Amino acid sequence: LEQALRTVSHEVAYQHGFHEVEAVMRAGHAEAAIFIRPTSISEIRRTADEQMLMPPKSTFFTPKLRTGLVMRPLVV
């Protein structure tokens, strides 16, 4: 997005969630909004398998894990 806007004066901010973006727009704090569909697990898996990089912010997800929390499958 920054590359597409390189010839005009702009400030790019990232906001997650439709309602949050709507509130920013209604308050007049932004002139435009662009919504991008979420990245699917299969897209992330394929990108990892091909050892490619994802664009910034494309793998955002919630809820976030607590810092220091380790996820490990339990074998029964």
Foldseek 3Di string as FASTA:
>chain_A
DCVVCVVDDDDDDDDDDPVVVVVCVVVVVDDDDDDDDADDPVNVVVCVVVVHDDDPPNHDDDDDDDPPDDDDDDDD
